[in-house]
Amino acid sequence: AMRWYRQAPGKQRELVAAITSGGSTNYADSVKGRFTISA
């Protein structure tokens, strides 16, 4: 699996998006519909 995380100053690191070797994807609610992860 590959993932994108992000961390803003003063905030905890959060998972933004993930993709498995099979192509399944998952997104944080805050970015859903705006961000796309691909491999």
PDB file of all heavy atoms in Angstrom:
ATOM      1  N   ALA A   1       0.839  -1.183   0.000  1.00  0.00           N
ATOM      2  CA  ALA A   1       0.000   0.000   0.000  1.00  0.00           C
ATOM      3  C   ALA A   1       0.878   1.238   0.000  1.00  0.00           C
ATOM      4  O   ALA A   1       1.966   1.231   0.577  1.00  0.00           O
ATOM      5  CB  ALA A   1      -0.928   0.029   1.216  1.00  0.00           C
ATOM      6  N   MET A   2       0.414   2.284  -0.663  1.00  0.00           N
ATOM      7  CA  MET A   2       1.081   3.568  -0.656  1.00  0.00           C
ATOM      8  C   MET A   2       0.111   4.590  -0.103  1.00  0.00           C
ATOM      9  O   MET A   2      -1.094   4.501  -0.332  1.00  0.00           O
ATOM     10  CB  MET A   2       1.535   3.971  -2.055  1.00  0.00           C
ATOM     11  CG  MET A   2       2.556   3.038  -2.683  1.00  0.00           C
ATOM     12  SD  MET A   2       4.136   3.028  -1.795  1.00  0.00           S
ATOM     13  CE  MET A   2       4.676   4.721  -2.044  1.00  0.00           C
ATOM     14  N   ARG A   3       0.654   5.570   0.613  1.00  0.00           N
ATOM     15  CA  ARG A   3      -0.182   6.551   1.289  1.00  0.00           C
ATOM     16  C   ARG A   3       0.408   7.949   1.173  1.00  0.00           C
ATOM     17  O   ARG A   3       1.616   8.119   1.017  1.00  0.00           O
ATOM     18  CB  ARG A   3      -0.332   6.198   2.771  1.00  0.00           C
ATOM     19  CG  ARG A   3      -0.756   4.774   3.036  1.00  0.00           C
ATOM     20  CD  ARG A   3      -0.605   4.416   4.511  1.00  0.00           C
ATOM     21  NE  ARG A   3      -0.912   3.015   4.763  1.00  0.00           N
ATOM     22  CZ  ARG A   3      -0.029   2.021   4.663  1.00  0.00           C
ATOM     23  NH1 ARG A   3       1.230   2.270   4.332  1.00  0.00           N
ATOM     24  NH2 ARG A   3      -0.414   0.775   4.913  1.00  0.00           N
ATOM     25  N   TRP A   4      -0.453   8.922   1.247  1.00  0.00           N
ATOM     26  CA  TRP A   4      -0.052  10.308   1.413  1.00  0.00           C
ATOM     27  C   TRP A   4      -0.553  10.798   2.764  1.00  0.00           C
ATOM     28  O   TRP A   4      -1.732  10.642   3.085  1.00  0.00           O
ATOM     29  CB  TRP A   4      -0.613  11.201   0.308  1.00  0.00           C
ATOM     30  CG  TRP A   4       0.078  11.054  -1.005  1.00  0.00           C
ATOM     31  CD1 TRP A   4      -0.315  10.292  -2.063  1.00  0.00           C
ATOM     32  CD2 TRP A   4       1.285  11.704  -1.409  1.00  0.00           C
ATOM     33  NE1 TRP A   4       0.570  10.424  -3.103  1.00  0.00           N
ATOM     34  CE2 TRP A   4       1.565  11.288  -2.726  1.00  0.00           C
ATOM     35  CE3 TRP A   4       2.157  12.602  -0.792  1.00  0.00           C
ATOM     36  CZ2 TRP A   4       2.684  11.740  -3.436  1.00  0.00           C
ATOM     37  CZ3 TRP A   4       3.268  13.043  -1.492  1.00  0.00           C
ATOM     38  CH2 TRP A   4       3.517  12.612  -2.795  1.00  0.00           C
ATOM     39  N   TYR A   5       0.347  11.369   3.541  1.00  0.00           N
ATOM     40  CA  TYR A   5       0.030  12.016   4.798  1.00  0.00           C
ATOM     41  C   TYR A   5       0.336  13.503   4.670  1.00  0.00           C
ATOM     42  O   TYR A   5       1.067  13.929   3.777  1.00  0.00           O
ATOM     43  CB  TYR A   5       0.863  11.452   5.946  1.00  0.00           C
ATOM     44  CG  TYR A   5       0.486  10.063   6.420  1.00  0.00           C
ATOM     45  CD1 TYR A   5       0.938   8.937   5.762  1.00  0.00           C
ATOM     46  CD2 TYR A   5      -0.300   9.897   7.558  1.00  0.00           C
ATOM     47  CE1 TYR A   5       0.614   7.668   6.211  1.00  0.00           C
ATOM     48  CE2 TYR A   5      -0.628   8.630   8.015  1.00  0.00           C
ATOM     49  CZ  TYR A   5      -0.165   7.527   7.338  1.00  0.00           C
ATOM     50  OH  TYR A   5      -0.480   6.263   7.793  1.00  0.00           O
ATOM     51  N   ARG A   6      -0.202  14.282   5.584  1.00  0.00           N
ATOM     52  CA  ARG A   6       0.165  15.684   5.651  1.00  0.00           C
ATOM     53  C   ARG A   6       0.202  16.132   7.102  1.00  0.00           C
ATOM     54  O   ARG A   6      -0.488  15.578   7.957  1.00  0.00           O
ATOM     55  CB  ARG A   6      -0.795  16.563   4.849  1.00  0.00           C
ATOM     56  CG  ARG A   6      -2.209  16.658   5.411  1.00  0.00           C
ATOM     57  CD  ARG A   6      -3.092  17.468   4.470  1.00  0.00           C
ATOM     58  NE  ARG A   6      -4.448  17.613   4.976  1.00  0.00           N
ATOM     59  CZ  ARG A   6      -5.445  18.148   4.288  1.00  0.00           C
ATOM     60  NH1 ARG A   6      -5.236  18.590   3.045  1.00  0.00           N
ATOM     61  NH2 ARG A   6      -6.658  18.251   4.837  1.00  0.00           N
ATOM     62  N   GLN A   7       1.014  17.140   7.360  1.00  0.00           N
ATOM     63  CA  GLN A   7       1.135  17.682   8.697  1.00  0.00           C
ATOM     64  C   GLN A   7       1.308  19.188   8.615  1.00  0.00           C
ATOM     65  O   GLN A   7       2.256  19.681   8.010  1.00  0.00           O
ATOM     66  CB  GLN A   7       2.312  17.057   9.445  1.00  0.00           C
ATOM     67  CG  GLN A   7       2.390  17.462  10.903  1.00  0.00           C
ATOM     68  CD  GLN A   7       3.347  16.601  11.690  1.00  0.00           C
ATOM     69  OE1 GLN A   7       4.304  16.060  11.142  1.00  0.00           O
ATOM     70  NE2 GLN A   7       3.090  16.462  12.977  1.00  0.00           N
ATOM     71  N   ALA A   8       0.370  19.894   9.217  1.00  0.00           N
ATOM     72  CA  ALA A   8       0.431  21.345   9.305  1.00  0.00           C
ATOM     73  C   ALA A   8       1.034  21.736  10.645  1.00  0.00           C
ATOM     74  O   ALA A   8       0.967  20.968  11.614  1.00  0.00           O
ATOM     75  CB  ALA A   8      -0.962  21.944   9.153  1.00  0.00           C
ATOM     76  N   PRO A   9       1.631  22.925  10.744  1.00  0.00           N
ATOM     77  CA  PRO A   9       2.208  23.367  12.015  1.00  0.00           C
ATOM     78  C   PRO A   9       1.191  23.328  13.145  1.00  0.00           C
ATOM     79  O   PRO A   9       0.076  23.826  13.001  1.00  0.00           O
ATOM     80  CB  PRO A   9       2.654  24.797  11.716  1.00  0.00           C
ATOM     81  CG  PRO A   9       2.913  24.804  10.247  1.00  0.00           C
ATOM     82  CD  PRO A   9       1.854  23.902   9.671  1.00  0.00           C
ATOM     83  N   GLY A  10       1.577  22.711  14.256  1.00  0.00           N
ATOM     84  CA  GLY A  10       0.700  22.631  15.410  1.00  0.00           C
ATOM     85  C   GLY A  10      -0.374  21.575  15.326  1.00  0.00           C
ATOM     86  O   GLY A  10      -1.198  21.466  16.241  1.00  0.00           O
ATOM     87  N   LYS A  11      -0.393  20.800  14.258  1.00  0.00           N
ATOM     88  CA  LYS A  11      -1.400  19.767  14.092  1.00  0.00           C
ATOM     89  C   LYS A  11      -0.757  18.391  13.990  1.00  0.00           C
ATOM     90  O   LYS A  11       0.420  18.260  13.667  1.00  0.00           O
ATOM     91  CB  LYS A  11      -2.243  20.023  12.841  1.00  0.00           C
ATOM     92  CG  LYS A  11      -3.104  21.275  12.893  1.00  0.00           C
ATOM     93  CD  LYS A  11      -3.990  21.366  11.664  1.00  0.00           C
ATOM     94  CE  LYS A  11      -4.899  22.578  11.718  1.00  0.00           C
ATOM     95  NZ  LYS A  11      -5.766  22.658  10.512  1.00  0.00           N
ATOM     96  N   GLN A  12      -1.542  17.370  14.277  1.00  0.00           N
ATOM     97  CA  GLN A  12      -1.077  15.996  14.144  1.00  0.00           C
ATOM     98  C   GLN A  12      -1.018  15.604  12.679  1.00  0.00           C
ATOM     99  O   GLN A  12      -1.759  16.124  11.847  1.00  0.00           O
ATOM    100  CB  GLN A  12      -2.000  15.033  14.897  1.00  0.00           C
ATOM    101  CG  GLN A  12      -2.002  15.206  16.405  1.00  0.00           C
ATOM    102  CD  GLN A  12      -2.849  14.156  17.099  1.00  0.00           C
ATOM    103  OE1 GLN A  12      -3.685  13.502  16.479  1.00  0.00           O
ATOM    104  NE2 GLN A  12      -2.626  13.990  18.387  1.00  0.00           N
ATOM    105  N   ARG A  13      -0.110  14.687  12.380  1.00  0.00           N
ATOM    106  CA  ARG A  13      -0.035  14.165  11.030  1.00  0.00           C
ATOM    107  C   ARG A  13      -1.289  13.349  10.738  1.00  0.00           C
ATOM    108  O   ARG A  13      -1.729  12.546  11.561  1.00  0.00           O
ATOM    109  CB  ARG A  13       1.210  13.297  10.869  1.00  0.00           C
ATOM    110  CG  ARG A  13       1.457  12.818   9.448  1.00  0.00           C
ATOM    111  CD  ARG A  13       2.826  12.165   9.309  1.00  0.00           C
ATOM    112  NE  ARG A  13       3.899  13.105   9.592  1.00  0.00           N
ATOM    113  CZ  ARG A  13       5.189  12.832   9.442  1.00  0.00           C
ATOM    114  NH1 ARG A  13       5.569  11.636   9.001  1.00  0.00           N
ATOM    115  NH2 ARG A  13       6.095  13.750   9.738  1.00  0.00           N
ATOM    116  N   GLU A  14      -1.868  13.563   9.571  1.00  0.00           N
ATOM    117  CA  GLU A  14      -3.091  12.881   9.216  1.00  0.00           C
ATOM    118  C   GLU A  14      -2.954  12.165   7.883  1.00  0.00           C
ATOM    119  O   GLU A  14      -2.240  12.611   6.986  1.00  0.00           O
ATOM    120  CB  GLU A  14      -4.272  13.858   9.160  1.00  0.00           C
ATOM    121  CG  GLU A  14      -4.164  14.915   8.078  1.00  0.00           C
ATOM    122  CD  GLU A  14      -5.414  15.763   7.934  1.00  0.00           C
ATOM    123  OE1 GLU A  14      -6.504  15.286   8.298  1.00  0.00           O
ATOM    124  OE2 GLU A  14      -5.296  16.912   7.455  1.00  0.00           O
ATOM    125  N   LEU A  15      -3.666  11.063   7.772  1.00  0.00           N
ATOM    126  CA  LEU A  15      -3.708  10.317   6.525  1.00  0.00           C
ATOM    127  C   LEU A  15      -4.627  11.031   5.554  1.00  0.00           C
ATOM    128  O   LEU A  15      -5.777  11.322   5.876  1.00  0.00           O
ATOM    129  CB  LEU A  15      -4.197   8.893   6.781  1.00  0.00           C
ATOM    130  CG  LEU A  15      -4.361   7.993   5.554  1.00  0.00           C
ATOM    131  CD1 LEU A  15      -3.009   7.738   4.892  1.00  0.00           C
ATOM    132  CD2 LEU A  15      -5.017   6.676   5.949  1.00  0.00           C
ATOM    133  N   VAL A  16      -4.119  11.300   4.366  1.00  0.00           N
ATOM    134  CA  VAL A  16      -4.876  12.004   3.341  1.00  0.00           C
ATOM    135  C   VAL A  16      -5.499  11.033   2.348  1.00  0.00           C
ATOM    136  O   VAL A  16      -6.679  11.138   2.010  1.00  0.00           O
ATOM    137  CB  VAL A  16      -3.989  13.014   2.595  1.00  0.00           C
ATOM    138  CG1 VAL A  16      -4.756  13.676   1.456  1.00  0.00           C
ATOM    139  CG2 VAL A  16      -3.462  14.062   3.563  1.00  0.00           C
ATOM    140  N   ALA A  17      -4.695  10.098   1.856  1.00  0.00           N
ATOM    141  CA  ALA A  17      -5.165   9.159   0.844  1.00  0.00           C
ATOM    142  C   ALA A  17      -4.313   7.912   0.872  1.00  0.00           C
ATOM    143  O   ALA A  17      -3.157   7.944   1.293  1.00  0.00           O
ATOM    144  CB  ALA A  17      -5.129   9.797  -0.548  1.00  0.00           C
ATOM    145  N   ALA A  18      -4.874   6.808   0.420  1.00  0.00           N
ATOM    146  CA  ALA A  18      -4.158   5.538   0.374  1.00  0.00           C
ATOM    147  C   ALA A  18      -4.592   4.749  -0.850  1.00  0.00           C
ATOM    148  O   ALA A  18      -5.727   4.876  -1.316  1.00  0.00           O
ATOM    149  CB  ALA A  18      -4.411   4.721   1.640  1.00  0.00           C
ATOM    150  N   ILE A  19      -3.674   3.935  -1.339  1.00  0.00           N
ATOM    151  CA  ILE A  19      -3.975   3.059  -2.461  1.00  0.00           C
ATOM    152  C   ILE A  19      -3.281   1.723  -2.227  1.00  0.00           C
ATOM    153  O   ILE A  19      -2.138   1.672  -1.779  1.00  0.00           O
ATOM    154  CB  ILE A  19      -3.540   3.692  -3.805  1.00  0.00           C
ATOM    155  CG1 ILE A  19      -3.965   2.812  -4.981  1.00  0.00           C
ATOM    156  CG2 ILE A  19      -2.039   3.949  -3.827  1.00  0.00           C
ATOM    157  CD1 ILE A  19      -3.820   3.506  -6.326  1.00  0.00           C
ATOM    158  N   THR A  20      -3.981   0.634  -2.501  1.00  0.00           N
ATOM    159  CA  THR A  20      -3.411  -0.693  -2.350  1.00  0.00           C
ATOM    160  C   THR A  20      -2.856  -1.171  -3.677  1.00  0.00           C
ATOM    161  O   THR A  20      -3.104  -0.579  -4.730  1.00  0.00           O
ATOM    162  CB  THR A  20      -4.458  -1.701  -1.852  1.00  0.00           C
ATOM    163  OG1 THR A  20      -5.434  -1.925  -2.883  1.00  0.00           O
ATOM    164  CG2 THR A  20      -5.158  -1.187  -0.602  1.00  0.00           C
ATOM    165  N   SER A  21      -2.112  -2.272  -3.621  1.00  0.00           N
ATOM    166  CA  SER A  21      -1.558  -2.841  -4.846  1.00  0.00           C
ATOM    167  C   SER A  21      -2.654  -3.284  -5.801  1.00  0.00           C
ATOM    168  O   SER A  21      -2.427  -3.359  -7.008  1.00  0.00           O
ATOM    169  CB  SER A  21      -0.639  -4.021  -4.513  1.00  0.00           C
ATOM    170  OG  SER A  21      -1.349  -5.049  -3.839  1.00  0.00           O
ATOM    171  N   GLY A  22      -3.829  -3.574  -5.263  1.00  0.00           N
ATOM    172  CA  GLY A  22      -4.957  -3.964  -6.084  1.00  0.00           C
ATOM    173  C   GLY A  22      -5.720  -2.803  -6.676  1.00  0.00           C
ATOM    174  O   GLY A  22      -6.648  -3.009  -7.461  1.00  0.00           O
ATOM    175  N   GLY A  23      -5.342  -1.584  -6.302  1.00  0.00           N
ATOM    176  CA  GLY A  23      -5.961  -0.402  -6.868  1.00  0.00           C
ATOM    177  C   GLY A  23      -7.066   0.221  -6.036  1.00  0.00           C
ATOM    178  O   GLY A  23      -7.647   1.236  -6.444  1.00  0.00           O
ATOM    179  N   SER A  24      -7.370  -0.356  -4.885  1.00  0.00           N
ATOM    180  CA  SER A  24      -8.384   0.240  -4.020  1.00  0.00           C
ATOM    181  C   SER A  24      -7.863   1.532  -3.417  1.00  0.00           C
ATOM    182  O   SER A  24      -6.693   1.624  -3.048  1.00  0.00           O
ATOM    183  CB  SER A  24      -8.779  -0.728  -2.908  1.00  0.00           C
ATOM    184  OG  SER A  24      -9.356  -1.904  -3.438  1.00  0.00           O
ATOM    185  N   THR A  25      -8.721   2.524  -3.291  1.00  0.00           N
ATOM    186  CA  THR A  25      -8.326   3.818  -2.753  1.00  0.00           C
ATOM    187  C   THR A  25      -9.217   4.224  -1.600  1.00  0.00           C
ATOM    188  O   THR A  25     -10.358   3.777  -1.484  1.00  0.00           O
ATOM    189  CB  THR A  25      -8.367   4.913  -3.830  1.00  0.00           C
ATOM    190  OG1 THR A  25      -9.699   5.009  -4.365  1.00  0.00           O
ATOM    191  CG2 THR A  25      -7.401   4.594  -4.958  1.00  0.00           C
ATOM    192  N   ASN A  26      -8.678   5.103  -0.757  1.00  0.00           N
ATOM    193  CA  ASN A  26      -9.427   5.636   0.363  1.00  0.00           C
ATOM    194  C   ASN A  26      -8.947   7.050   0.618  1.00  0.00           C
ATOM    195  O   ASN A  26      -7.764   7.352   0.433  1.00  0.00           O
ATOM    196  CB  ASN A  26      -9.246   4.769   1.607  1.00  0.00           C
ATOM    197  CG  ASN A  26     -10.234   5.109   2.698  1.00  0.00           C
ATOM    198  OD1 ASN A  26     -11.387   5.433   2.428  1.00  0.00           O
ATOM    199  ND2 ASN A  26      -9.795   5.028   3.952  1.00  0.00           N
ATOM    200  N   TYR A  27      -9.856   7.925   1.048  1.00  0.00           N
ATOM    201  CA  TYR A  27      -9.541   9.334   1.242  1.00  0.00           C
ATOM    202  C   TYR A  27     -10.100   9.850   2.556  1.00  0.00           C
ATOM    203  O   TYR A  27     -11.145   9.399   3.029  1.00  0.00           O
ATOM    204  CB  TYR A  27     -10.127  10.181   0.114  1.00  0.00           C
ATOM    205  CG  TYR A  27      -9.631   9.813  -1.255  1.00  0.00           C
ATOM    206  CD1 TYR A  27     -10.323   8.884  -2.032  1.00  0.00           C
ATOM    207  CD2 TYR A  27      -8.476  10.387  -1.779  1.00  0.00           C
ATOM    208  CE1 TYR A  27      -9.862   8.538  -3.292  1.00  0.00           C
ATOM    209  CE2 TYR A  27      -8.019  10.043  -3.033  1.00  0.00           C
ATOM    210  CZ  TYR A  27      -8.715   9.119  -3.785  1.00  0.00           C
ATOM    211  OH  TYR A  27      -8.260   8.777  -5.038  1.00  0.00           O
ATOM    212  N   ALA A  28      -9.405  10.825   3.104  1.00  0.00           N
ATOM    213  CA  ALA A  28      -9.949  11.551   4.236  1.00  0.00           C
ATOM    214  C   ALA A  28     -11.164  12.340   3.780  1.00  0.00           C
ATOM    215  O   ALA A  28     -11.222  12.817   2.644  1.00  0.00           O
ATOM    216  CB  ALA A  28      -8.896  12.492   4.816  1.00  0.00           C
ATOM    217  N   ASP A  29     -12.139  12.473   4.664  1.00  0.00           N
ATOM    218  CA  ASP A  29     -13.358  13.193   4.308  1.00  0.00           C
ATOM    219  C   ASP A  29     -13.063  14.626   3.853  1.00  0.00           C
ATOM    220  O   ASP A  29     -13.755  15.158   2.980  1.00  0.00           O
ATOM    221  CB  ASP A  29     -14.322  13.217   5.488  1.00  0.00           C
ATOM    222  CG  ASP A  29     -14.959  11.869   5.758  1.00  0.00           C
ATOM    223  OD1 ASP A  29     -14.958  11.007   4.859  1.00  0.00           O
ATOM    224  OD2 ASP A  29     -15.463  11.671   6.882  1.00  0.00           O
ATOM    225  N   SER A  30     -12.038  15.226   4.416  1.00  0.00           N
ATOM    226  CA  SER A  30     -11.727  16.611   4.113  1.00  0.00           C
ATOM    227  C   SER A  30     -11.234  16.825   2.685  1.00  0.00           C
ATOM    228  O   SER A  30     -11.274  17.956   2.184  1.00  0.00           O
ATOM    229  CB  SER A  30     -10.683  17.148   5.101  1.00  0.00           C
ATOM    230  OG  SER A  30      -9.491  16.385   5.034  1.00  0.00           O
ATOM    231  N   VAL A  31     -10.770  15.768   2.030  1.00  0.00           N
ATOM    232  CA  VAL A  31     -10.243  15.907   0.673  1.00  0.00           C
ATOM    233  C   VAL A  31     -11.034  15.111  -0.347  1.00  0.00           C
ATOM    234  O   VAL A  31     -10.760  15.220  -1.558  1.00  0.00           O
ATOM    235  CB  VAL A  31      -8.757  15.496   0.602  1.00  0.00           C
ATOM    236  CG1 VAL A  31      -7.939  16.234   1.644  1.00  0.00           C
ATOM    237  CG2 VAL A  31      -8.601  13.986   0.771  1.00  0.00           C
ATOM    238  N   LYS A  32     -11.994  14.347   0.094  1.00  0.00           N
ATOM    239  CA  LYS A  32     -12.773  13.502  -0.805  1.00  0.00           C
ATOM    240  C   LYS A  32     -13.467  14.349  -1.865  1.00  0.00           C
ATOM    241  O   LYS A  32     -14.108  15.349  -1.565  1.00  0.00           O
ATOM    242  CB  LYS A  32     -13.784  12.683  -0.007  1.00  0.00           C
ATOM    243  CG  LYS A  32     -14.430  11.543  -0.770  1.00  0.00           C
ATOM    244  CD  LYS A  32     -15.255  10.654   0.166  1.00  0.00           C
ATOM    245  CE  LYS A  32     -14.390  10.014   1.225  1.00  0.00           C
ATOM    246  NZ  LYS A  32     -15.167   9.124   2.132  1.00  0.00           N
ATOM    247  N   GLY A  33     -13.323  13.929  -3.105  1.00  0.00           N
ATOM    248  CA  GLY A  33     -13.904  14.656  -4.214  1.00  0.00           C
ATOM    249  C   GLY A  33     -12.988  15.695  -4.803  1.00  0.00           C
ATOM    250  O   GLY A  33     -13.252  16.202  -5.903  1.00  0.00           O
ATOM    251  N   ARG A  34     -11.912  16.038  -4.097  1.00  0.00           N
ATOM    252  CA  ARG A  34     -10.961  17.038  -4.576  1.00  0.00           C
ATOM    253  C   ARG A  34      -9.597  16.436  -4.906  1.00  0.00           C
ATOM    254  O   ARG A  34      -8.928  16.900  -5.826  1.00  0.00           O
ATOM    255  CB  ARG A  34     -10.777  18.146  -3.539  1.00  0.00           C
ATOM    256  CG  ARG A  34     -12.052  18.903  -3.209  1.00  0.00           C
ATOM    257  CD  ARG A  34     -11.769  20.104  -2.315  1.00  0.00           C
ATOM    258  NE  ARG A  34     -11.203  19.697  -1.027  1.00  0.00           N
ATOM    259  CZ  ARG A  34     -10.014  20.088  -0.573  1.00  0.00           C
ATOM    260  NH1 ARG A  34      -9.262  20.900  -1.304  1.00  0.00           N
ATOM    261  NH2 ARG A  34      -9.585  19.684   0.619  1.00  0.00           N
ATOM    262  N   PHE A  35      -9.187  15.433  -4.140  1.00  0.00           N
ATOM    263  CA  PHE A  35      -7.881  14.801  -4.324  1.00  0.00           C
ATOM    264  C   PHE A  35      -8.048  13.422  -4.941  1.00  0.00           C
ATOM    265  O   PHE A  35      -9.035  12.726  -4.681  1.00  0.00           O
ATOM    266  CB  PHE A  35      -7.150  14.642  -2.991  1.00  0.00           C
ATOM    267  CG  PHE A  35      -6.679  15.922  -2.360  1.00  0.00           C
ATOM    268  CD1 PHE A  35      -7.090  17.165  -2.832  1.00  0.00           C
ATOM    269  CD2 PHE A  35      -5.813  15.879  -1.273  1.00  0.00           C
ATOM    270  CE1 PHE A  35      -6.654  18.341  -2.236  1.00  0.00           C
ATOM    271  CE2 PHE A  35      -5.369  17.041  -0.676  1.00  0.00           C
ATOM    272  CZ  PHE A  35      -5.789  18.277  -1.149  1.00  0.00           C
ATOM    273  N   THR A  36      -7.052  13.001  -5.716  1.00  0.00           N
ATOM    274  CA  THR A  36      -7.040  11.674  -6.314  1.00  0.00           C
ATOM    275  C   THR A  36      -5.653  11.067  -6.190  1.00  0.00           C
ATOM    276  O   THR A  36      -4.671  11.673  -6.613  1.00  0.00           O
ATOM    277  CB  THR A  36      -7.438  11.714  -7.800  1.00  0.00           C
ATOM    278  OG1 THR A  36      -8.735  12.303  -7.945  1.00  0.00           O
ATOM    279  CG2 THR A  36      -7.476  10.293  -8.370  1.00  0.00           C
ATOM    280  N   ILE A  37      -5.573   9.875  -5.607  1.00  0.00           N
ATOM    281  CA  ILE A  37      -4.313   9.157  -5.519  1.00  0.00           C
ATOM    282  C   ILE A  37      -4.270   8.119  -6.628  1.00  0.00           C
ATOM    283  O   ILE A  37      -5.280   7.490  -6.943  1.00  0.00           O
ATOM    284  CB  ILE A  37      -4.126   8.494  -4.135  1.00  0.00           C
ATOM    285  CG1 ILE A  37      -2.728   7.884  -4.009  1.00  0.00           C
ATOM    286  CG2 ILE A  37      -5.203   7.446  -3.861  1.00  0.00           C
ATOM    287  CD1 ILE A  37      -2.398   7.393  -2.598  1.00  0.00           C
ATOM    288  N   SER A  38      -3.114   7.955  -7.234  1.00  0.00           N
ATOM    289  CA  SER A  38      -2.949   6.979  -8.294  1.00  0.00           C
ATOM    290  C   SER A  38      -1.526   6.457  -8.286  1.00  0.00           C
ATOM    291  O   SER A  38      -0.630   7.066  -7.698  1.00  0.00           O
ATOM    292  CB  SER A  38      -3.296   7.578  -9.661  1.00  0.00           C
ATOM    293  OG  SER A  38      -2.427   8.646  -9.982  1.00  0.00           O
ATOM    294  N   ALA A  39      -1.319   5.321  -8.927  1.00  0.00           N
ATOM    295  CA  ALA A  39       0.001   4.718  -9.014  1.00  0.00           C
ATOM    296  C   ALA A  39       0.286   4.305 -10.446  1.00  0.00           C
ATOM    297  O   ALA A  39      -0.562   3.698 -11.105  1.00  0.00           O
ATOM    298  CB  ALA A  39       0.106   3.505  -8.091  1.00  0.00           C
TER     299      ALA A  39
END
